[in-house]
N, C-alpha and C. Protein backbone atom coordinates (compact mmCIF):
# COMPACT_ATOMS: atom_id res chain seq x y z
N MET A 1 0.49 -1.65 -0.36
CA MET A 1 0.25 -0.42 -0.32
C MET A 1 0.84 1.38 0.03
N ALA A 2 1.96 1.32 0.50
CA ALA A 2 2.77 2.27 0.96
C ALA A 2 3.34 2.56 -0.63
N PHE A 3 3.82 1.55 -1.35
CA PHE A 3 4.17 1.99 -2.64
C PHE A 3 3.19 2.47 -3.30
N VAL A 4 1.24 2.52 -3.06
CA VAL A 4 0.76 2.58 -4.53
C VAL A 4 0.81 4.19 -3.72
N LEU A 5 0.60 4.61 -2.48
CA LEU A 5 0.82 5.86 -2.23
C LEU A 5 2.02 6.64 -2.52
N SER A 6 3.14 6.57 -2.62
CA SER A 6 4.00 6.75 -3.22
C SER A 6 4.37 7.00 -4.60
N LEU A 7 3.46 5.85 -5.14
CA LEU A 7 3.53 6.21 -6.77
C LEU A 7 2.39 7.15 -7.30
N LEU A 8 1.31 7.54 -6.82
CA LEU A 8 0.41 8.25 -7.00
C LEU A 8 0.82 9.71 -5.88
N MET A 9 1.68 9.88 -5.51
CA MET A 9 1.91 11.02 -5.23
C MET A 9 3.17 11.41 -6.38
N VAL A 10 4.12 10.99 -6.65
CA VAL A 10 4.63 10.77 -7.68
C VAL A 10 4.44 11.31 -8.96
N LEU A 11 3.31 10.29 -9.64
CA LEU A 11 2.28 11.01 -10.42
C LEU A 11 2.36 12.16 -10.15
N VAL A 12 1.42 12.66 -9.23
CA VAL A 12 1.11 14.32 -9.37
C VAL A 12 1.99 14.71 -9.12
N LEU A 13 3.01 14.58 -8.30
CA LEU A 13 4.09 15.85 -8.70
C LEU A 13 5.13 16.03 -9.74
N VAL A 14 5.26 14.94 -10.41
CA VAL A 14 5.56 14.59 -11.96
C VAL A 14 4.67 15.57 -12.84
N SER A 15 3.74 15.19 -12.76
CA SER A 15 2.22 15.73 -13.59
C SER A 15 1.92 17.14 -13.54
N TYR A 16 2.42 17.70 -12.18
CA TYR A 16 2.33 19.21 -12.03
C TYR A 16 3.73 19.84 -11.73
N GLY A 17 4.61 20.47 -12.70
CA GLY A 17 5.47 21.01 -12.05
C GLY A 17 5.32 22.30 -11.19
N PRO A 18 6.36 23.16 -11.21
CA PRO A 18 6.16 24.66 -10.71
C PRO A 18 4.73 25.78 -11.94
N GLY A 19 3.89 26.05 -11.02
CA GLY A 19 3.20 27.27 -11.60
C GLY A 19 2.29 26.41 -11.73
N GLY A 20 2.43 24.86 -11.86
CA GLY A 20 0.82 24.18 -12.20
C GLY A 20 1.02 23.84 -13.35
N SER A 21 2.05 23.90 -14.38
CA SER A 21 2.41 23.91 -15.53
C SER A 21 2.63 22.40 -15.59
N LEU A 22 2.03 21.58 -16.35
CA LEU A 22 2.60 20.32 -17.34
C LEU A 22 4.04 20.25 -16.92
N GLY A 23 4.82 19.15 -16.56
CA GLY A 23 5.62 18.74 -16.44
C GLY A 23 5.95 17.58 -16.99
N CYS A 24 5.29 16.73 -17.20
CA CYS A 24 5.21 15.27 -17.81
C CYS A 24 3.57 15.39 -18.18
N ASP A 25 3.66 14.49 -19.34
CA ASP A 25 1.81 14.05 -19.61
C ASP A 25 1.54 12.51 -19.33
N LEU A 26 1.00 12.58 -17.58
CA LEU A 26 0.37 10.81 -17.14
C LEU A 26 0.47 11.00 -15.82
N SER A 27 -1.08 10.65 -16.09
CA SER A 27 -2.27 10.70 -14.70
C SER A 27 -2.57 9.50 -13.94
N LEU A 28 -2.88 9.18 -13.14
CA LEU A 28 -3.05 8.69 -12.33
C LEU A 28 -4.19 7.36 -13.30
N ASN A 29 -4.73 7.77 -13.92
CA ASN A 29 -6.33 7.27 -14.66
C ASN A 29 -5.38 7.17 -16.12
N HIS A 30 -4.82 7.57 -16.48
CA HIS A 30 -4.40 7.13 -17.72
C HIS A 30 -3.58 5.68 -17.53
N VAL A 31 -2.76 5.74 -16.43
CA VAL A 31 -2.03 4.54 -15.70
C VAL A 31 -2.79 3.18 -16.12
N LEU A 32 -3.73 3.80 -14.48
CA LEU A 32 -5.11 2.66 -14.60
C LEU A 32 -5.91 2.47 -15.82
N ALA A 33 -5.83 3.04 -16.69
CA ALA A 33 -7.02 2.68 -17.84
C ALA A 33 -5.90 1.78 -18.85
N GLY A 34 -4.19 2.52 -18.93
CA GLY A 34 -3.68 1.03 -19.76
C GLY A 34 -3.56 -0.40 -19.22
N THR A 35 -3.83 -0.27 -18.03
CA THR A 35 -3.15 -1.04 -17.03
C THR A 35 -4.13 -2.28 -17.33
N GLU A 36 -5.27 -2.13 -17.19
CA GLU A 36 -6.52 -2.15 -17.55
C GLU A 36 -6.68 -3.13 -18.63
N LYS A 37 -6.44 -2.47 -19.75
CA LYS A 37 -6.56 -2.82 -20.76
C LYS A 37 -5.72 -4.08 -21.12
N ASN A 38 -4.33 -4.17 -20.12
CA ASN A 38 -3.72 -5.00 -20.73
C ASN A 38 -3.82 -6.39 -20.05
N LEU A 39 -4.58 -5.86 -18.83
CA LEU A 39 -5.02 -7.22 -17.67
C LEU A 39 -5.94 -8.00 -18.40
N THR A 40 -6.91 -6.83 -19.03
CA THR A 40 -7.93 -7.74 -19.80
C THR A 40 -7.37 -8.43 -21.20
N LEU A 41 -6.33 -7.90 -21.35
CA LEU A 41 -5.82 -9.05 -23.25
C LEU A 41 -4.71 -10.02 -22.23
N LEU A 42 -4.70 -9.86 -21.45
CA LEU A 42 -3.57 -11.37 -20.43
C LEU A 42 -5.09 -11.90 -20.35
N ASP A 43 -6.06 -11.80 -19.66
CA ASP A 43 -7.19 -13.06 -19.31
C ASP A 43 -7.47 -13.53 -21.08
N GLN A 44 -7.86 -12.40 -21.73
CA GLN A 44 -8.26 -13.07 -23.11
C GLN A 44 -6.53 -14.10 -24.05
N MET A 45 -6.16 -13.84 -23.12
CA MET A 45 -5.17 -15.05 -24.02
C MET A 45 -4.73 -16.45 -23.43
N ARG A 46 -5.44 -16.27 -22.44
CA ARG A 46 -5.41 -18.04 -21.79
C ARG A 46 -5.97 -18.66 -22.83
N ARG A 47 -4.90 -19.84 -22.77
CA ARG A 47 -4.84 -20.86 -23.61
C ARG A 47 -5.58 -21.92 -23.23
N LEU A 48 -5.07 -22.61 -21.84
CA LEU A 48 -5.52 -23.24 -21.29
C LEU A 48 -5.84 -23.30 -19.84
N SER A 49 -6.36 -24.29 -19.25
CA SER A 49 -6.82 -24.22 -17.98
C SER A 49 -5.19 -24.38 -16.75
N PRO A 50 -5.82 -23.19 -15.73
CA PRO A 50 -4.01 -23.69 -14.99
C PRO A 50 -4.23 -24.22 -14.06
N HIS A 51 -5.50 -25.39 -14.72
CA HIS A 51 -5.15 -26.76 -13.57
C HIS A 51 -4.78 -27.67 -14.17
N LEU A 52 -4.80 -27.87 -15.24
CA LEU A 52 -3.69 -28.94 -16.26
C LEU A 52 -2.45 -28.39 -16.07
N CYS A 53 -2.23 -27.23 -15.74
CA CYS A 53 -0.61 -27.07 -15.57
C CYS A 53 -0.18 -26.97 -13.65
N LEU A 54 -0.84 -27.67 -13.19
CA LEU A 54 -0.28 -27.53 -11.75
C LEU A 54 1.08 -28.37 -11.47
N GLN A 55 1.41 -28.86 -11.98
CA GLN A 55 2.62 -29.83 -11.81
C GLN A 55 3.61 -28.66 -12.06
N ASP A 56 3.65 -27.27 -13.15
CA ASP A 56 4.20 -26.76 -13.58
C ASP A 56 4.43 -25.17 -12.44
N ARG A 57 3.42 -25.01 -11.94
CA ARG A 57 3.44 -24.04 -10.40
C ARG A 57 4.85 -23.56 -10.37
N LYS A 58 5.22 -22.38 -10.19
CA LYS A 58 5.92 -21.87 -9.58
C LYS A 58 5.82 -20.66 -8.80
N ASP A 59 6.07 -20.01 -8.05
CA ASP A 59 6.50 -19.12 -7.13
C ASP A 59 7.82 -18.11 -7.42
N PHE A 60 7.08 -17.21 -8.43
CA PHE A 60 8.29 -16.04 -9.14
C PHE A 60 8.82 -15.31 -8.40
N ALA A 61 8.67 -14.96 -7.08
CA ALA A 61 8.46 -14.34 -5.97
C ALA A 61 8.50 -13.08 -6.09
N PHE A 62 7.57 -12.10 -7.11
CA PHE A 62 7.62 -11.30 -7.31
C PHE A 62 7.57 -10.22 -5.94
N PRO A 63 8.35 -9.13 -5.92
CA PRO A 63 9.22 -8.44 -4.98
C PRO A 63 8.26 -7.62 -4.59
N GLN A 64 6.80 -8.02 -4.09
CA GLN A 64 6.05 -6.67 -3.54
C GLN A 64 6.12 -6.35 -2.47
N GLU A 65 6.63 -6.78 -1.27
CA GLU A 65 6.89 -5.90 -0.14
C GLU A 65 7.74 -4.89 -0.42
N MET A 66 8.62 -5.05 -1.46
CA MET A 66 10.20 -4.51 -1.53
C MET A 66 9.61 -3.21 -2.05
N VAL A 67 8.48 -3.02 -3.22
CA VAL A 67 8.48 -2.26 -3.63
C VAL A 67 7.02 -1.57 -3.74
N GLU A 68 6.38 -1.59 -2.44
CA GLU A 68 5.62 -1.03 -1.97
C GLU A 68 5.68 -0.54 -1.02
N GLY A 69 7.63 -0.45 -0.15
CA GLY A 69 7.69 0.13 0.83
C GLY A 69 7.85 1.57 0.83
N GLY A 70 7.60 2.25 2.06
CA GLY A 70 7.62 3.88 1.74
C GLY A 70 8.76 4.47 1.64
N GLN A 71 9.91 3.93 1.99
CA GLN A 71 10.83 4.66 1.58
C GLN A 71 11.51 4.66 -0.11
N LEU A 72 10.75 4.02 -0.95
CA LEU A 72 10.88 4.78 -1.85
C LEU A 72 11.19 6.16 -2.52
N GLN A 73 11.79 6.58 -3.66
CA GLN A 73 11.91 7.37 -3.70
C GLN A 73 11.27 8.03 -5.48
N GLU A 74 11.38 8.89 -5.48
CA GLU A 74 10.36 9.50 -6.46
C GLU A 74 11.09 8.76 -7.87
N ALA A 75 12.04 8.96 -7.98
CA ALA A 75 13.04 7.98 -9.39
C ALA A 75 12.96 6.74 -9.04
N GLN A 76 12.81 6.16 -8.09
CA GLN A 76 12.93 4.28 -7.64
C GLN A 76 11.25 4.39 -7.94
N ALA A 77 10.37 5.19 -8.07
CA ALA A 77 8.94 4.73 -8.27
C ALA A 77 8.83 4.83 -9.74
N ILE A 78 8.85 5.85 -10.42
CA ILE A 78 8.60 5.73 -11.64
C ILE A 78 9.46 4.59 -12.60
N SER A 79 11.25 4.30 -11.92
CA SER A 79 11.75 3.50 -12.42
C SER A 79 11.34 1.76 -12.08
N VAL A 80 10.47 1.52 -11.10
CA VAL A 80 9.92 0.61 -10.19
C VAL A 80 9.05 0.06 -11.67
N LEU A 81 7.86 1.24 -12.06
CA LEU A 81 6.66 0.80 -13.15
C LEU A 81 7.89 0.64 -14.30
N HIS A 82 8.47 1.69 -14.61
CA HIS A 82 9.08 1.49 -16.21
C HIS A 82 9.49 0.24 -16.66
N GLU A 83 10.34 -0.62 -15.24
CA GLU A 83 10.82 -1.59 -15.55
C GLU A 83 10.27 -2.60 -15.54
N MET A 84 8.65 -2.56 -14.64
CA MET A 84 7.83 -3.81 -14.97
C MET A 84 7.15 -3.38 -16.26
N LEU A 85 7.02 -2.89 -17.08
CA LEU A 85 6.14 -2.65 -18.25
C LEU A 85 7.61 -3.03 -19.25
N GLN A 86 8.85 -2.40 -19.18
CA GLN A 86 9.65 -2.95 -19.60
C GLN A 86 9.89 -4.30 -20.12
N GLN A 87 10.25 -4.99 -19.19
CA GLN A 87 10.32 -5.83 -18.73
C GLN A 87 9.50 -6.88 -19.40
N SER A 88 7.91 -7.07 -19.50
CA SER A 88 7.35 -7.38 -19.67
C SER A 88 6.77 -7.40 -21.31
N PHE A 89 6.95 -6.14 -21.78
CA PHE A 89 7.58 -6.09 -23.49
C PHE A 89 8.52 -7.19 -24.08
N ASN A 90 9.37 -6.74 -23.09
CA ASN A 90 10.57 -7.68 -23.90
C ASN A 90 9.95 -9.40 -23.92
N LEU A 91 9.39 -9.65 -22.56
CA LEU A 91 8.92 -11.25 -22.56
C LEU A 91 8.11 -11.23 -24.03
N PHE A 92 6.79 -10.78 -23.76
CA PHE A 92 5.96 -10.72 -24.84
C PHE A 92 6.54 -10.51 -26.21
N ASN A 93 7.47 -10.48 -26.58
CA ASN A 93 8.02 -9.67 -27.85
C ASN A 93 9.27 -10.53 -27.84
N THR A 94 9.11 -11.74 -27.91
CA THR A 94 9.95 -13.08 -27.99
C THR A 94 9.39 -13.81 -29.38
N LYS A 95 9.99 -14.34 -30.30
CA LYS A 95 10.01 -15.32 -30.94
C LYS A 95 9.03 -16.76 -30.27
N ARG A 96 9.48 -16.91 -29.06
CA ARG A 96 8.91 -17.93 -28.79
C ARG A 96 7.35 -17.50 -27.88
N SER A 97 7.52 -16.61 -27.37
CA SER A 97 6.20 -15.51 -26.93
C SER A 97 4.90 -15.90 -28.20
N SER A 98 5.54 -15.61 -29.32
CA SER A 98 4.57 -15.52 -30.72
C SER A 98 3.98 -16.75 -31.14
N ALA A 99 5.03 -17.92 -30.86
CA ALA A 99 4.47 -19.26 -30.86
C ALA A 99 3.02 -19.35 -30.29
N ALA A 100 3.33 -19.10 -28.53
CA ALA A 100 2.30 -19.71 -27.59
C ALA A 100 1.23 -19.19 -27.72
N TRP A 101 0.86 -17.28 -28.13
CA TRP A 101 -0.46 -17.30 -28.21
C TRP A 101 -1.08 -16.75 -29.28
N ASP A 102 -2.34 -16.79 -29.36
CA ASP A 102 -2.83 -16.07 -30.00
C ASP A 102 -2.63 -14.13 -30.78
N THR A 103 -1.75 -14.35 -32.14
CA THR A 103 -0.84 -13.54 -32.66
C THR A 103 -1.95 -12.26 -32.66
N THR A 104 -3.25 -11.71 -32.66
CA THR A 104 -3.77 -10.80 -32.85
C THR A 104 -3.85 -10.10 -31.17
N LEU A 105 -4.21 -10.97 -30.36
CA LEU A 105 -4.11 -10.59 -28.89
C LEU A 105 -2.66 -10.56 -28.26
N LEU A 106 -1.87 -11.01 -29.03
CA LEU A 106 -0.06 -10.72 -28.66
C LEU A 106 0.01 -9.19 -29.09
N GLU A 107 -0.41 -8.69 -30.27
CA GLU A 107 -0.21 -8.10 -30.27
C GLU A 107 -0.72 -5.96 -30.01
N GLN A 108 -2.24 -6.97 -30.35
CA GLN A 108 -2.40 -5.84 -28.90
C GLN A 108 -1.86 -5.61 -27.37
N LEU A 109 -1.47 -6.32 -27.03
CA LEU A 109 -0.50 -6.14 -25.36
C LEU A 109 0.77 -6.30 -26.22
N ARG A 110 1.33 -6.09 -26.44
CA ARG A 110 2.87 -5.54 -27.05
C ARG A 110 2.28 -3.86 -27.37
N THR A 111 1.29 -3.57 -28.43
CA THR A 111 0.98 -2.13 -28.17
C THR A 111 0.58 -1.40 -27.05
N GLY A 112 -0.13 -2.37 -26.18
CA GLY A 112 -0.84 -1.37 -25.17
C GLY A 112 0.28 -1.48 -24.28
N LEU A 113 1.53 -2.50 -23.88
CA LEU A 113 2.54 -2.18 -23.03
C LEU A 113 3.57 -0.86 -23.61
N GLY A 114 4.00 -0.86 -25.14
CA GLY A 114 4.85 0.42 -25.42
C GLY A 114 4.38 1.53 -25.42
N GLN A 115 2.94 1.89 -25.65
CA GLN A 115 2.08 2.77 -25.43
C GLN A 115 2.42 2.93 -24.03
N GLN A 116 1.90 2.47 -23.34
CA GLN A 116 2.13 2.51 -21.59
C GLN A 116 3.88 3.15 -21.36
N LEU A 117 4.77 1.95 -21.98
CA LEU A 117 6.52 3.12 -21.80
C LEU A 117 6.77 4.12 -22.60
N ALA A 118 6.01 4.47 -23.69
CA ALA A 118 6.24 5.27 -24.27
C ALA A 118 5.27 7.05 -23.01
N ASP A 119 4.52 6.89 -22.82
CA ASP A 119 4.11 7.84 -22.11
C ASP A 119 4.62 8.01 -20.96
N LEU A 120 5.23 6.93 -20.52
CA LEU A 120 5.90 7.04 -18.95
C LEU A 120 6.92 7.35 -19.19
N ASP A 121 8.07 7.16 -20.69
CA ASP A 121 9.18 7.61 -20.79
C ASP A 121 9.52 9.27 -20.82
N ASP A 122 8.69 9.90 -21.19
CA ASP A 122 8.89 11.21 -20.84
C ASP A 122 9.40 11.81 -19.28
N CYS A 123 8.47 10.91 -18.30
CA CYS A 123 8.73 11.16 -16.63
C CYS A 123 9.90 10.70 -16.37
N TRP A 124 10.13 9.10 -16.75
CA TRP A 124 11.42 8.41 -16.25
C TRP A 124 12.58 9.08 -16.42
N GLN A 125 12.66 9.49 -17.61
CA GLN A 125 13.71 10.48 -18.13
C GLN A 125 13.88 11.60 -17.10
N GLN A 126 13.19 12.23 -17.36
CA GLN A 126 12.40 13.59 -16.02
C GLN A 126 12.98 13.57 -14.94
N VAL A 127 12.37 12.54 -14.24
CA VAL A 127 13.24 12.35 -12.96
C VAL A 127 14.51 11.44 -12.97
N THR A 128 14.83 10.56 -13.78
CA THR A 128 16.07 10.08 -13.15
C THR A 128 17.13 11.38 -14.07
N GLY A 129 16.91 11.69 -15.30
CA GLY A 129 17.92 13.06 -15.31
C GLY A 129 18.14 13.96 -14.60
N GLU A 130 17.56 14.20 -13.41
CA GLU A 130 17.29 15.23 -12.85
C GLU A 130 18.32 14.61 -11.10
N GLU A 131 18.71 13.41 -11.46
CA GLU A 131 19.12 12.89 -9.91
C GLU A 131 20.27 11.85 -10.86
N ASP A 132 21.34 11.20 -10.07
CA ASP A 132 22.19 10.28 -10.58
C ASP A 132 21.20 9.08 -11.17
N SER A 133 21.27 8.93 -12.31
CA SER A 133 20.48 7.86 -12.84
C SER A 133 20.79 6.71 -12.44
N ALA A 134 22.02 6.22 -11.89
CA ALA A 134 22.30 4.40 -11.09
C ALA A 134 21.15 5.13 -9.65
N LEU A 135 20.77 5.80 -9.15
CA LEU A 135 19.59 6.05 -7.86
C LEU A 135 18.32 4.83 -8.64
N GLY A 136 17.56 5.95 -9.49
CA GLY A 136 16.28 4.55 -10.05
C GLY A 136 16.21 3.17 -10.25
N ARG A 137 17.65 3.00 -10.28
CA ARG A 137 17.95 1.55 -10.86
C ARG A 137 18.50 0.33 -8.95
N LYS A 138 18.40 1.12 -8.21
CA LYS A 138 19.24 -0.07 -6.82
C LYS A 138 17.46 -0.27 -6.33
N GLY A 139 17.93 -1.26 -5.91
CA GLY A 139 16.86 -1.50 -4.39
C GLY A 139 15.74 -2.30 -5.60
N PRO A 140 14.43 -1.23 -5.33
CA PRO A 140 13.13 -2.08 -5.96
C PRO A 140 13.14 -2.53 -7.42
N THR A 141 13.99 -1.20 -8.37
CA THR A 141 14.06 -1.57 -9.62
C THR A 141 14.93 -3.02 -9.58
N ASP A 142 15.82 -3.23 -9.24
CA ASP A 142 16.42 -4.26 -9.60
C ASP A 142 15.56 -5.51 -8.76
N ALA A 143 15.24 -5.73 -7.94
CA ALA A 143 14.19 -6.66 -7.15
C ALA A 143 13.18 -7.04 -8.85
N VAL A 144 12.58 -5.79 -9.07
CA VAL A 144 11.79 -6.51 -10.56
C VAL A 144 12.50 -6.86 -11.49
N THR A 145 14.18 -6.36 -11.87
CA THR A 145 14.47 -7.19 -13.10
C THR A 145 15.05 -8.41 -12.46
N THR A 146 15.45 -9.14 -11.40
CA THR A 146 15.81 -10.37 -10.77
C THR A 146 13.93 -10.89 -10.86
N TYR A 147 13.31 -10.91 -10.51
CA TYR A 147 11.98 -11.07 -10.86
C TYR A 147 11.73 -11.68 -12.16
N PHE A 148 12.12 -10.75 -13.26
CA PHE A 148 11.54 -11.22 -14.38
C PHE A 148 12.88 -12.17 -15.30
N LYS A 149 14.10 -12.13 -14.35
CA LYS A 149 15.00 -12.72 -15.29
C LYS A 149 14.66 -14.38 -14.48
N GLY A 150 14.03 -14.63 -13.43
CA GLY A 150 13.55 -15.79 -12.74
C GLY A 150 12.19 -16.43 -13.67
N ILE A 151 11.65 -15.29 -14.01
CA ILE A 151 10.72 -15.88 -15.19
C ILE A 151 11.39 -16.31 -16.64
N HIS A 152 12.59 -15.97 -17.16
CA HIS A 152 12.92 -16.33 -18.24
C HIS A 152 13.82 -17.31 -17.82
N VAL A 153 14.24 -17.64 -16.90
CA VAL A 153 15.07 -19.11 -16.55
C VAL A 153 14.18 -19.60 -16.60
N TYR A 154 13.19 -20.30 -16.01
CA TYR A 154 11.53 -20.85 -16.20
C TYR A 154 11.18 -21.39 -17.12
N LEU A 155 11.36 -20.50 -18.30
CA LEU A 155 10.76 -20.87 -19.35
C LEU A 155 11.95 -21.22 -20.10
N ASN A 156 13.02 -20.93 -20.11
CA ASN A 156 14.29 -21.78 -20.25
C ASN A 156 13.97 -23.25 -20.01
N GLU A 157 14.06 -23.53 -18.56
CA GLU A 157 14.00 -24.77 -18.16
C GLU A 157 13.11 -25.84 -18.71
N LYS A 158 11.50 -25.06 -18.98
CA LYS A 158 10.10 -25.58 -19.57
C LYS A 158 10.41 -25.98 -20.57
N GLU A 159 11.32 -25.10 -21.61
CA GLU A 159 11.45 -25.20 -22.84
C GLU A 159 10.38 -24.79 -23.49
N TYR A 160 9.68 -23.66 -23.12
CA TYR A 160 8.90 -22.63 -23.51
C TYR A 160 7.93 -23.05 -23.31
N SER A 161 7.31 -24.28 -22.96
CA SER A 161 5.96 -25.31 -22.96
C SER A 161 5.01 -24.33 -22.98
N ASP A 162 3.95 -25.01 -23.38
CA ASP A 162 2.50 -23.86 -23.16
C ASP A 162 2.39 -24.04 -21.50
N CYS A 163 2.31 -24.81 -20.54
CA CYS A 163 2.28 -24.44 -19.15
C CYS A 163 2.71 -23.59 -18.96
N ALA A 164 4.10 -23.58 -19.10
CA ALA A 164 5.25 -22.96 -18.44
C ALA A 164 4.55 -21.18 -18.82
N TRP A 165 4.10 -20.92 -20.40
CA TRP A 165 3.82 -19.62 -19.97
C TRP A 165 2.65 -19.28 -20.21
N GLU A 166 1.79 -20.63 -19.55
CA GLU A 166 0.40 -20.55 -19.14
C GLU A 166 1.01 -19.50 -17.64
N ILE A 167 1.60 -20.15 -16.81
CA ILE A 167 1.80 -20.03 -15.30
C ILE A 167 2.35 -18.60 -15.72
N VAL A 168 3.35 -18.50 -16.05
CA VAL A 168 3.92 -17.14 -16.69
C VAL A 168 2.98 -15.88 -16.57
N ARG A 169 2.00 -16.06 -17.63
CA ARG A 169 0.91 -14.84 -17.92
C ARG A 169 -0.03 -14.80 -16.86
N LEU A 170 -0.51 -15.97 -15.70
CA LEU A 170 -0.72 -16.16 -14.73
C LEU A 170 -0.05 -15.05 -13.58
N ASP A 171 1.26 -14.99 -13.43
CA ASP A 171 1.85 -14.51 -12.56
C ASP A 171 2.08 -13.32 -12.79
N ILE A 172 2.30 -12.65 -14.20
CA ILE A 172 2.87 -11.23 -14.32
C ILE A 172 0.91 -10.51 -14.30
N ARG A 173 0.63 -11.42 -14.64
CA ARG A 173 -1.14 -10.70 -14.82
C ARG A 173 -1.26 -10.52 -13.12
N ARG A 174 -1.33 -11.31 -12.51
CA ARG A 174 -1.43 -11.07 -11.02
C ARG A 174 -0.76 -10.11 -10.55
N ALA A 175 0.77 -9.88 -10.98
CA ALA A 175 1.76 -8.98 -10.51
C ALA A 175 0.84 -7.00 -10.72
N PHE A 176 0.23 -7.49 -12.01
CA PHE A 176 -0.34 -6.12 -12.29
C PHE A 176 -1.33 -5.81 -12.16
N SER A 177 -1.98 -7.02 -11.15
CA SER A 177 -3.66 -7.02 -10.86
C SER A 177 -3.63 -6.75 -9.55
N ARG A 178 -2.30 -6.57 -8.95
CA ARG A 178 -2.31 -6.09 -7.61
C ARG A 178 -2.11 -4.88 -7.53
N PHE A 179 -1.18 -4.50 -8.29
CA PHE A 179 -0.64 -2.99 -8.33
C PHE A 179 -1.56 -2.21 -9.19
N ILE A 180 -2.85 -2.32 -9.73
CA ILE A 180 -3.84 -1.80 -10.07
C ILE A 180 -4.82 -1.56 -9.48
N ASN A 181 -4.91 -2.71 -8.17
CA ASN A 181 -6.24 -2.61 -7.40
C ASN A 181 -5.43 -1.66 -6.40
N GLN A 182 -4.38 -1.30 -5.79
CA GLN A 182 -3.22 -0.86 -5.15
C GLN A 182 -3.81 0.86 -5.26
N LEU A 183 -3.80 1.13 -6.76
CA LEU A 183 -3.59 2.23 -7.17
C LEU A 183 -5.10 2.87 -7.07
N ALA A 184 -5.92 2.21 -7.40
CA ALA A 184 -7.54 2.22 -7.60
C ALA A 184 -7.85 2.30 -6.02
N ARG A 185 -7.56 2.07 -4.86
CA ARG A 185 -8.28 2.01 -3.56
C ARG A 185 -7.82 3.89 -3.46
């Protein structure tokens, strides 16, 4: 919850610069709308019943408590969101993912993630440009990167099976769902 409040504060602070002028064209409603669309697409991409893949379940240990910490600085909060979007985009933008999913839905998801990244990019560059750019890469952002590395290792170990992709889809969907539910509170 603290991460959500930190992120909300960051979005407000970054969106309105000195004198009330827009410093960044990003709003909470815009982030929520984009994430909701991507969640819907992730739901529609389901090809297998998760019950058929119980033997492949894995806890990828999304760093929920770390990214919710009240100690997040502005650059870190924006970097965490940027990293989640970038890593998801990269994952679903591979040849292996193209073989696993309906191409129309996959392309819509890629487009949605790409649009959110583009929208967030100006804010991300603005806050990381004002401070040491390494600041936003430490701690919580690195934990998100490690989470996605674990997903890549898992997919490789499972030889990119349909069940492995289903488990990954569910876990990423869960991570974004928690994020959006906390933002909406």
